[in-house]
Amino acid sequence: MAKRLPLITISDMIGVPDADRERVVAAADLLVTASDPGAFGDRPPIEVLGEALWTLTEFATELAAYREKNPGDDLMSGLVHAEIDGEHLTHPEIAAFFVLLSVAGNDTTRHTTSHALRALSVHRDQRALLQEDLDGRLATAVEEFIRWASPVMTFRRTTTREVELHGETLPAGEKVVLFYHSANRDEQAFEDPWRFDITRDPNRHVGFGGGGPHYCLGASLARTQLRSIFGELLTVIPDIEAQEPELLRSAFIHGVKRMECSFSPRA
């Protein structure tokens, strides 16, 4: 369930035909799960990664070529026909953008959904509080879902100049790893950060990045998807419970491989 909504949404936006959607998402999954033994079996991870990257690149290039001649009402058509100062994006540039959207647009919302449902199952007081006023509290709750899940765990950046951070001097050109889980549990930024609180406000989490040019392109879309899926879930099957998840072995994505759930069927 958590996988389906992002898959359908991103595919509709980009214009991925129904027949190709599962293949595209399977390839995107491999790009962030190659460190998990279940993802590649006895094959070298670099081989699996290369194959997944080629699948997405080839698909995007073919779709771009098709939309160049047969434009439609989708993002791929917009990318192909966009023009700035007489310049168009090349097909390799569009393919690279497609790879980014395929990965970023699926995994983040998907795993936030799973972690949030598990949190609501464990923290029953917060679940009751949310269900007491679902319409009024859901938007604020979604921000806590994102902070709590922190679906992207790390990014690496390079310092462009010398900078001092908490008494440590980082020289220009230094590789720096950002740990989003740590930032989202920072005692200096959040009161009682290890408490799951759907009413937390303000909630200046960095689940979408810290602002600036690297801020998540799909932040509004992710919030909309999370509001939609939990608005439906907690209305249609309000007693749904999630068991302990089996987590993905990854240093990049805080992912859920599988998670059993139970609920009372509707009459």
C-alpha atoms as a PDB file:
ATOM      1  CA  MET A   1       0.000   0.000   0.000  1.00  0.00           C
ATOM      2  CA  ALA A   2       2.761   2.446   0.953  1.00  0.00           C
ATOM      3  CA  LYS A   3       4.494   1.664  -2.331  1.00  0.00           C
ATOM      4  CA  ARG A   4       1.456   2.056  -4.571  1.00  0.00           C
ATOM      5  CA  LEU A   5       0.517   5.707  -4.042  1.00  0.00           C
ATOM      6  CA  PRO A   6       3.939   7.241  -4.891  1.00  0.00           C
ATOM      7  CA  LEU A   7       4.239   4.846  -7.850  1.00  0.00           C
ATOM      8  CA  ILE A   8       0.896   5.904  -9.307  1.00  0.00           C
ATOM      9  CA  THR A   9       1.410   9.614  -8.602  1.00  0.00           C
ATOM     10  CA  ILE A  10       4.904   9.971 -10.072  1.00  0.00           C
ATOM     11  CA  SER A  11       4.044   7.762 -13.044  1.00  0.00           C
ATOM     12  CA  ASP A  12       0.967   9.870 -13.827  1.00  0.00           C
ATOM     13  CA  MET A  13       2.947  13.105 -13.552  1.00  0.00           C
ATOM     14  CA  ILE A  14       5.797  11.952 -15.769  1.00  0.00           C
ATOM     15  CA  GLY A  15       3.611  10.052 -18.213  1.00  0.00           C
ATOM     16  CA  VAL A  16       4.898   6.513 -17.631  1.00  0.00           C
ATOM     17  CA  PRO A  17       2.552   4.032 -19.356  1.00  0.00           C
ATOM     18  CA  ASP A  18       0.782   1.546 -17.054  1.00  0.00           C
ATOM     19  CA  ALA A  19       2.632  -1.406 -18.574  1.00  0.00           C
ATOM     20  CA  ASP A  20       6.044   0.049 -17.667  1.00  0.00           C
ATOM     21  CA  ARG A  21       5.395   1.302 -14.146  1.00  0.00           C
ATOM     22  CA  GLU A  22       6.392  -1.772 -12.142  1.00  0.00           C
ATOM     23  CA  ARG A  23       9.598  -2.152 -14.172  1.00  0.00           C
ATOM     24  CA  VAL A  24      10.560   1.475 -13.633  1.00  0.00           C
ATOM     25  CA  VAL A  25       9.938   1.344  -9.875  1.00  0.00           C
ATOM     26  CA  ALA A  26      11.797  -1.973  -9.537  1.00  0.00           C
ATOM     27  CA  ALA A  27      14.845  -0.399 -11.186  1.00  0.00           C
ATOM     28  CA  ALA A  28      14.572   2.728  -9.015  1.00  0.00           C
ATOM     29  CA  ASP A  29      14.372   0.525  -5.909  1.00  0.00           C
ATOM     30  CA  LEU A  30      17.633  -1.198  -6.805  1.00  0.00           C
ATOM     31  CA  LEU A  31      19.506   2.106  -6.928  1.00  0.00           C
ATOM     32  CA  VAL A  32      18.943   2.628  -3.193  1.00  0.00           C
ATOM     33  CA  THR A  33      18.830  -0.999  -1.979  1.00  0.00           C
ATOM     34  CA  ALA A  34      21.969  -2.438  -3.548  1.00  0.00           C
ATOM     35  CA  SER A  35      23.639  -2.597  -0.112  1.00  0.00           C
ATOM     36  CA  ASP A  36      20.960  -5.040   1.081  1.00  0.00           C
ATOM     37  CA  PRO A  37      21.867  -8.698   0.350  1.00  0.00           C
ATOM     38  CA  GLY A  38      18.297  -9.476  -0.679  1.00  0.00           C
ATOM     39  CA  ALA A  39      18.483  -6.928  -3.487  1.00  0.00           C
ATOM     40  CA  PHE A  40      21.290  -8.444  -5.544  1.00  0.00           C
ATOM     41  CA  GLY A  41      21.631 -12.093  -4.418  1.00  0.00           C
ATOM     42  CA  ASP A  42      24.939 -13.538  -5.595  1.00  0.00           C
ATOM     43  CA  ARG A  43      25.563 -10.857  -8.242  1.00  0.00           C
ATOM     44  CA  PRO A  44      28.121  -8.037  -7.756  1.00  0.00           C
ATOM     45  CA  PRO A  45      26.306  -4.899  -6.469  1.00  0.00           C
ATOM     46  CA  ILE A  46      27.970  -2.703  -9.102  1.00  0.00           C
ATOM     47  CA  GLU A  47      26.508  -4.921 -11.823  1.00  0.00           C
ATOM     48  CA  VAL A  48      23.001  -4.650 -10.350  1.00  0.00           C
ATOM     49  CA  LEU A  49      23.341  -0.875  -9.978  1.00  0.00           C
ATOM     50  CA  GLY A  50      24.566  -0.457 -13.542  1.00  0.00           C
ATOM     51  CA  GLU A  51      21.720  -2.543 -14.909  1.00  0.00           C
ATOM     52  CA  ALA A  52      19.112  -0.575 -12.941  1.00  0.00           C
ATOM     53  CA  LEU A  53      20.584   2.756 -14.021  1.00  0.00           C
ATOM     54  CA  TRP A  54      20.646   1.647 -17.651  1.00  0.00           C
ATOM     55  CA  THR A  55      17.002   0.475 -17.456  1.00  0.00           C
ATOM     56  CA  LEU A  56      15.837   3.891 -16.237  1.00  0.00           C
ATOM     57  CA  THR A  57      18.072   5.846 -18.619  1.00  0.00           C
ATOM     58  CA  GLU A  58      17.025   3.812 -21.650  1.00  0.00           C
ATOM     59  CA  PHE A  59      13.342   4.063 -20.755  1.00  0.00           C
ATOM     60  CA  ALA A  60      13.530   7.844 -20.221  1.00  0.00           C
ATOM     61  CA  THR A  61      15.414   8.377 -23.484  1.00  0.00           C
ATOM     62  CA  GLU A  62      12.811   6.400 -25.429  1.00  0.00           C
ATOM     63  CA  LEU A  63       9.930   8.217 -23.733  1.00  0.00           C
ATOM     64  CA  ALA A  64      11.571  11.595 -24.405  1.00  0.00           C
ATOM     65  CA  ALA A  65      11.963  10.724 -28.093  1.00  0.00           C
ATOM     66  CA  TYR A  66       8.306   9.656 -28.270  1.00  0.00           C
ATOM     67  CA  ARG A  67       7.031  12.789 -26.523  1.00  0.00           C
ATOM     68  CA  GLU A  68       9.140  14.954 -28.810  1.00  0.00           C
ATOM     69  CA  LYS A  69       6.930  13.824 -31.686  1.00  0.00           C
ATOM     70  CA  ASN A  70       3.770  13.091 -29.688  1.00  0.00           C
ATOM     71  CA  PRO A  71       3.459  15.660 -26.878  1.00  0.00           C
ATOM     72  CA  GLY A  72       0.959  15.011 -24.130  1.00  0.00           C
ATOM     73  CA  ASP A  73      -0.195  16.571 -20.874  1.00  0.00           C
ATOM     74  CA  ASP A  74       2.649  15.280 -18.708  1.00  0.00           C
ATOM     75  CA  LEU A  75       5.978  16.334 -17.231  1.00  0.00           C
ATOM     76  CA  MET A  76       8.062  14.484 -19.824  1.00  0.00           C
ATOM     77  CA  SER A  77       6.395  16.468 -22.620  1.00  0.00           C
ATOM     78  CA  GLY A  78       7.103  19.657 -20.697  1.00  0.00           C
ATOM     79  CA  LEU A  79      10.780  18.780 -20.284  1.00  0.00           C
ATOM     80  CA  VAL A  80      11.258  17.834 -23.929  1.00  0.00           C
ATOM     81  CA  HIS A  81       9.624  20.996 -25.284  1.00  0.00           C
ATOM     82  CA  ALA A  82      10.932  23.454 -22.682  1.00  0.00           C
ATOM     83  CA  GLU A  83      13.065  26.203 -24.225  1.00  0.00           C
ATOM     84  CA  ILE A  84      15.211  28.874 -22.590  1.00  0.00           C
ATOM     85  CA  ASP A  85      17.117  31.334 -24.794  1.00  0.00           C
ATOM     86  CA  GLY A  86      16.624  28.996 -27.720  1.00  0.00           C
ATOM     87  CA  GLU A  87      18.161  26.036 -25.876  1.00  0.00           C
ATOM     88  CA  HIS A  88      16.448  22.695 -25.174  1.00  0.00           C
ATOM     89  CA  LEU A  89      17.374  20.035 -22.656  1.00  0.00           C
ATOM     90  CA  THR A  90      19.212  17.128 -24.242  1.00  0.00           C
ATOM     91  CA  HIS A  91      17.845  13.619 -23.939  1.00  0.00           C
ATOM     92  CA  PRO A  92      20.708  12.548 -21.606  1.00  0.00           C
ATOM     93  CA  GLU A  93      19.910  15.543 -19.350  1.00  0.00           C
ATOM     94  CA  ILE A  94      16.230  14.578 -19.305  1.00  0.00           C
ATOM     95  CA  ALA A  95      17.142  10.947 -18.571  1.00  0.00           C
ATOM     96  CA  ALA A  96      19.293  12.021 -15.599  1.00  0.00           C
ATOM     97  CA  PHE A  97      16.412  14.113 -14.265  1.00  0.00           C
ATOM     98  CA  PHE A  98      14.052  11.173 -14.732  1.00  0.00           C
ATOM     99  CA  VAL A  99      16.350   8.897 -12.701  1.00  0.00           C
ATOM    100  CA  LEU A 100      16.355  11.459  -9.883  1.00  0.00           C
ATOM    101  CA  LEU A 101      12.552  11.790  -9.891  1.00  0.00           C
ATOM    102  CA  SER A 102      12.030   8.018 -10.052  1.00  0.00           C
ATOM    103  CA  VAL A 103      14.119   7.439  -6.940  1.00  0.00           C
ATOM    104  CA  ALA A 104      13.312  10.543  -4.895  1.00  0.00           C
ATOM    105  CA  GLY A 105       9.610  10.516  -5.701  1.00  0.00           C
ATOM    106  CA  ASN A 106       9.006   6.926  -4.658  1.00  0.00           C
ATOM    107  CA  ASP A 107      11.171   5.914  -1.709  1.00  0.00           C
ATOM    108  CA  THR A 108      10.742   8.914   0.562  1.00  0.00           C
ATOM    109  CA  THR A 109       6.935   9.020   0.824  1.00  0.00           C
ATOM    110  CA  ARG A 110       6.738   5.237   0.751  1.00  0.00           C
ATOM    111  CA  HIS A 111       8.960   4.693   3.788  1.00  0.00           C
ATOM    112  CA  THR A 112       7.574   7.686   5.683  1.00  0.00           C
ATOM    113  CA  THR A 113       4.118   6.111   5.335  1.00  0.00           C
ATOM    114  CA  SER A 114       5.335   2.814   6.795  1.00  0.00           C
ATOM    115  CA  HIS A 115       7.278   4.354   9.693  1.00  0.00           C
ATOM    116  CA  ALA A 116       4.388   6.682  10.522  1.00  0.00           C
ATOM    117  CA  LEU A 117       1.854   3.843  10.626  1.00  0.00           C
ATOM    118  CA  ARG A 118       4.158   1.893  12.931  1.00  0.00           C
ATOM    119  CA  ALA A 119       4.572   4.951  15.175  1.00  0.00           C
ATOM    120  CA  LEU A 120       0.806   5.407  15.379  1.00  0.00           C
ATOM    121  CA  SER A 121       0.469   1.734  16.302  1.00  0.00           C
ATOM    122  CA  VAL A 122       3.036   2.003  19.107  1.00  0.00           C
ATOM    123  CA  HIS A 123       2.059   5.440  20.429  1.00  0.00           C
ATOM    124  CA  ARG A 124      -1.656   4.857  20.906  1.00  0.00           C
ATOM    125  CA  ASP A 125      -2.222   8.135  22.748  1.00  0.00           C
ATOM    126  CA  GLN A 126      -0.999  10.059  19.695  1.00  0.00           C
ATOM    127  CA  ARG A 127      -3.143   7.961  17.399  1.00  0.00           C
ATOM    128  CA  ALA A 128      -6.234   8.655  19.527  1.00  0.00           C
ATOM    129  CA  LEU A 129      -5.414  12.365  19.531  1.00  0.00           C
ATOM    130  CA  LEU A 130      -5.135  12.403  15.739  1.00  0.00           C
ATOM    131  CA  GLN A 131      -8.335  10.422  15.167  1.00  0.00           C
ATOM    132  CA  GLU A 132     -10.188  12.700  17.568  1.00  0.00           C
ATOM    133  CA  ASP A 133      -9.782  15.566  15.052  1.00  0.00           C
ATOM    134  CA  LEU A 134      -8.354  14.072  11.865  1.00  0.00           C
ATOM    135  CA  ASP A 135      -9.063  17.056   9.616  1.00  0.00           C
ATOM    136  CA  GLY A 136      -7.753  19.583  12.114  1.00  0.00           C
ATOM    137  CA  ARG A 137      -4.564  17.782  13.178  1.00  0.00           C
ATOM    138  CA  LEU A 138      -3.447  15.836  10.099  1.00  0.00           C
ATOM    139  CA  ALA A 139      -1.326  18.577   8.487  1.00  0.00           C
ATOM    140  CA  THR A 140       0.691  19.090  11.682  1.00  0.00           C
ATOM    141  CA  ALA A 141       0.911  15.326  12.201  1.00  0.00           C
ATOM    142  CA  VAL A 142       2.396  14.865   8.725  1.00  0.00           C
ATOM    143  CA  GLU A 143       5.346  17.085   9.691  1.00  0.00           C
ATOM    144  CA  GLU A 144       5.999  14.842  12.690  1.00  0.00           C
ATOM    145  CA  PHE A 145       5.680  11.757  10.479  1.00  0.00           C
ATOM    146  CA  ILE A 146       8.479  13.124   8.286  1.00  0.00           C
ATOM    147  CA  ARG A 147      10.691  14.133  11.224  1.00  0.00           C
ATOM    148  CA  TRP A 148      10.177  10.787  12.956  1.00  0.00           C
ATOM    149  CA  ALA A 149      10.798   8.687   9.835  1.00  0.00           C
ATOM    150  CA  SER A 150      13.665  10.748   8.339  1.00  0.00           C
ATOM    151  CA  PRO A 151      13.537   8.510   5.230  1.00  0.00           C
ATOM    152  CA  VAL A 152      16.816   9.887   3.811  1.00  0.00           C
ATOM    153  CA  MET A 153      19.539   9.225   6.374  1.00  0.00           C
ATOM    154  CA  THR A 154      22.631  10.829   4.852  1.00  0.00           C
ATOM    155  CA  PHE A 155      23.981  13.062   2.119  1.00  0.00           C
ATOM    156  CA  ARG A 156      27.552  14.044   1.421  1.00  0.00           C
ATOM    157  CA  ARG A 157      28.579  17.560   0.499  1.00  0.00           C
ATOM    158  CA  THR A 158      31.869  19.378  -0.118  1.00  0.00           C
ATOM    159  CA  THR A 159      32.739  22.585   1.714  1.00  0.00           C
ATOM    160  CA  THR A 160      33.240  25.500  -0.690  1.00  0.00           C
ATOM    161  CA  ARG A 161      35.136  27.584   1.866  1.00  0.00           C
ATOM    162  CA  GLU A 162      36.636  27.279   5.330  1.00  0.00           C
ATOM    163  CA  VAL A 163      33.933  27.279   7.991  1.00  0.00           C
ATOM    164  CA  GLU A 164      33.748  26.825  11.758  1.00  0.00           C
ATOM    165  CA  LEU A 165      31.029  24.503  13.069  1.00  0.00           C
ATOM    166  CA  HIS A 166      30.589  24.030  16.830  1.00  0.00           C
ATOM    167  CA  GLY A 167      34.223  24.847  17.490  1.00  0.00           C
ATOM    168  CA  GLU A 168      35.566  22.647  14.684  1.00  0.00           C
ATOM    169  CA  THR A 169      37.242  24.220  11.656  1.00  0.00           C
ATOM    170  CA  LEU A 170      36.383  22.576   8.353  1.00  0.00           C
ATOM    171  CA  PRO A 171      38.751  23.519   5.523  1.00  0.00           C
ATOM    172  CA  ALA A 172      37.581  24.242   1.988  1.00  0.00           C
ATOM    173  CA  GLY A 173      37.262  21.119  -0.137  1.00  0.00           C
ATOM    174  CA  GLU A 174      36.470  18.866   2.832  1.00  0.00           C
ATOM    175  CA  LYS A 175      33.957  16.036   2.384  1.00  0.00           C
ATOM    176  CA  VAL A 176      31.176  16.413   4.944  1.00  0.00           C
ATOM    177  CA  VAL A 177      28.411  13.909   5.704  1.00  0.00           C
ATOM    178  CA  LEU A 178      25.034  15.217   6.846  1.00  0.00           C
ATOM    179  CA  PHE A 179      23.095  12.882   9.167  1.00  0.00           C
ATOM    180  CA  TYR A 180      19.426  13.814   8.942  1.00  0.00           C
ATOM    181  CA  HIS A 181      18.338  11.478  11.738  1.00  0.00           C
ATOM    182  CA  SER A 182      20.727  13.275  14.066  1.00  0.00           C
ATOM    183  CA  ALA A 183      19.488  16.713  13.014  1.00  0.00           C
ATOM    184  CA  ASN A 184      15.874  15.647  13.472  1.00  0.00           C
ATOM    185  CA  ARG A 185      16.621  14.446  17.037  1.00  0.00           C
ATOM    186  CA  ASP A 186      18.721  17.489  18.008  1.00  0.00           C
ATOM    187  CA  GLU A 187      18.002  18.545  21.606  1.00  0.00           C
ATOM    188  CA  GLN A 188      18.926  22.132  20.687  1.00  0.00           C
ATOM    189  CA  ALA A 189      16.308  22.233  17.938  1.00  0.00           C
ATOM    190  CA  PHE A 190      13.466  20.161  19.427  1.00  0.00           C
ATOM    191  CA  GLU A 191      11.949  19.884  22.869  1.00  0.00           C
ATOM    192  CA  ASP A 192      11.990  16.216  23.949  1.00  0.00           C
ATOM    193  CA  PRO A 193      13.106  15.085  20.452  1.00  0.00           C
ATOM    194  CA  TRP A 194      12.686  11.351  21.146  1.00  0.00           C
ATOM    195  CA  ARG A 195       8.973  11.809  21.808  1.00  0.00           C
ATOM    196  CA  PHE A 196       6.559  11.169  18.919  1.00  0.00           C
ATOM    197  CA  ASP A 197       4.214  14.159  19.078  1.00  0.00           C
ATOM    198  CA  ILE A 198       1.669  14.771  16.317  1.00  0.00           C
ATOM    199  CA  THR A 199       0.964  18.254  17.701  1.00  0.00           C
ATOM    200  CA  ARG A 200       4.616  19.403  17.668  1.00  0.00           C
ATOM    201  CA  ASP A 201       4.689  23.047  16.594  1.00  0.00           C
ATOM    202  CA  PRO A 202       6.961  24.547  15.472  1.00  0.00           C
ATOM    203  CA  ASN A 203       8.514  21.521  13.816  1.00  0.00           C
ATOM    204  CA  ARG A 204      11.595  22.686  11.933  1.00  0.00           C
ATOM    205  CA  HIS A 205      12.671  19.252  10.761  1.00  0.00           C
ATOM    206  CA  VAL A 206      15.134  18.823   7.904  1.00  0.00           C
ATOM    207  CA  GLY A 207      13.374  15.903   6.241  1.00  0.00           C
ATOM    208  CA  PHE A 208      13.259  17.943   3.032  1.00  0.00           C
ATOM    209  CA  GLY A 209      16.729  19.422   3.495  1.00  0.00           C
ATOM    210  CA  GLY A 210      17.789  22.629   5.164  1.00  0.00           C
ATOM    211  CA  GLY A 211      16.539  25.117   2.601  1.00  0.00           C
ATOM    212  CA  GLY A 212      18.297  26.829  -0.277  1.00  0.00           C
ATOM    213  CA  PRO A 213      18.816  25.405  -3.769  1.00  0.00           C
ATOM    214  CA  HIS A 214      18.952  21.789  -2.506  1.00  0.00           C
ATOM    215  CA  TYR A 215      15.526  21.914  -0.810  1.00  0.00           C
ATOM    216  CA  CYS A 216      13.359  18.971  -1.870  1.00  0.00           C
ATOM    217  CA  LEU A 217      11.590  19.629  -5.166  1.00  0.00           C
ATOM    218  CA  GLY A 218       8.679  17.375  -4.179  1.00  0.00           C
ATOM    219  CA  ALA A 219       8.041  18.628  -0.630  1.00  0.00           C
ATOM    220  CA  SER A 220       4.505  19.852  -1.368  1.00  0.00           C
ATOM    221  CA  LEU A 221       3.684  16.666  -3.263  1.00  0.00           C
ATOM    222  CA  ALA A 222       4.956  14.463  -0.414  1.00  0.00           C
ATOM    223  CA  ARG A 223       2.879  16.371   2.145  1.00  0.00           C
ATOM    224  CA  THR A 224      -0.204  16.051  -0.056  1.00  0.00           C
ATOM    225  CA  GLN A 225       0.323  12.304  -0.511  1.00  0.00           C
ATOM    226  CA  LEU A 226       0.789  11.716   3.220  1.00  0.00           C
ATOM    227  CA  ARG A 227      -2.312  13.729   4.088  1.00  0.00           C
ATOM    228  CA  SER A 228      -4.291  11.799   1.480  1.00  0.00           C
ATOM    229  CA  ILE A 229      -3.174   8.308   2.442  1.00  0.00           C
ATOM    230  CA  PHE A 230      -3.615   8.762   6.200  1.00  0.00           C
ATOM    231  CA  GLY A 231      -6.882  10.627   5.734  1.00  0.00           C
ATOM    232  CA  GLU A 232      -8.212   7.569   3.900  1.00  0.00           C
ATOM    233  CA  LEU A 233      -6.546   4.904   6.058  1.00  0.00           C
ATOM    234  CA  LEU A 234      -7.746   6.261   9.385  1.00  0.00           C
ATOM    235  CA  THR A 235     -11.250   6.759   8.016  1.00  0.00           C
ATOM    236  CA  VAL A 236     -11.804   3.546   6.063  1.00  0.00           C
ATOM    237  CA  ILE A 237      -9.905   1.118   8.347  1.00  0.00           C
ATOM    238  CA  PRO A 238      -9.432   3.140  11.537  1.00  0.00           C
ATOM    239  CA  ASP A 239      -8.159   0.230  13.655  1.00  0.00           C
ATOM    240  CA  ILE A 240      -5.255  -0.733  11.350  1.00  0.00           C
ATOM    241  CA  GLU A 241      -2.195  -1.834  13.336  1.00  0.00           C
ATOM    242  CA  ALA A 242       1.370  -2.285  12.077  1.00  0.00           C
ATOM    243  CA  GLN A 243       3.707  -4.904  13.523  1.00  0.00           C
ATOM    244  CA  GLU A 244       7.488  -4.617  13.916  1.00  0.00           C
ATOM    245  CA  PRO A 245       8.949  -3.834  10.466  1.00  0.00           C
ATOM    246  CA  GLU A 246      11.802  -5.640   8.754  1.00  0.00           C
ATOM    247  CA  LEU A 247      14.206  -2.851   7.815  1.00  0.00           C
ATOM    248  CA  LEU A 248      16.317  -2.442   4.732  1.00  0.00           C
ATOM    249  CA  ARG A 249      20.058  -2.698   5.273  1.00  0.00           C
ATOM    250  CA  SER A 250      21.199   0.644   3.931  1.00  0.00           C
ATOM    251  CA  ALA A 251      23.380   3.588   4.882  1.00  0.00           C
ATOM    252  CA  PHE A 252      21.261   5.920   2.761  1.00  0.00           C
ATOM    253  CA  ILE A 253      17.544   5.101   3.022  1.00  0.00           C
ATOM    254  CA  HIS A 254      15.705   4.407   6.289  1.00  0.00           C
ATOM    255  CA  GLY A 255      13.609   1.851   4.474  1.00  0.00           C
ATOM    256  CA  VAL A 256      11.059  -0.806   5.373  1.00  0.00           C
ATOM    257  CA  LYS A 257      11.337  -4.054   3.413  1.00  0.00           C
ATOM    258  CA  ARG A 258       8.096  -5.509   4.742  1.00  0.00           C
ATOM    259  CA  MET A 259       5.700  -4.865   7.590  1.00  0.00           C
ATOM    260  CA  GLU A 260       2.686  -6.969   8.544  1.00  0.00           C
ATOM    261  CA  CYS A 261      -0.533  -5.117   9.320  1.00  0.00           C
ATOM    262  CA  SER A 262      -3.942  -6.144  10.637  1.00  0.00           C
ATOM    263  CA  PHE A 263      -7.349  -4.455  10.610  1.00  0.00           C
ATOM    264  CA  SER A 264     -11.054  -5.217  10.835  1.00  0.00           C
ATOM    265  CA  PRO A 265     -12.647  -5.525   7.393  1.00  0.00           C
ATOM    266  CA  ARG A 266     -15.567  -3.225   6.642  1.00  0.00           C
ATOM    267  CA  ALA A 267     -19.038  -4.728   6.805  1.00  0.00           C
END
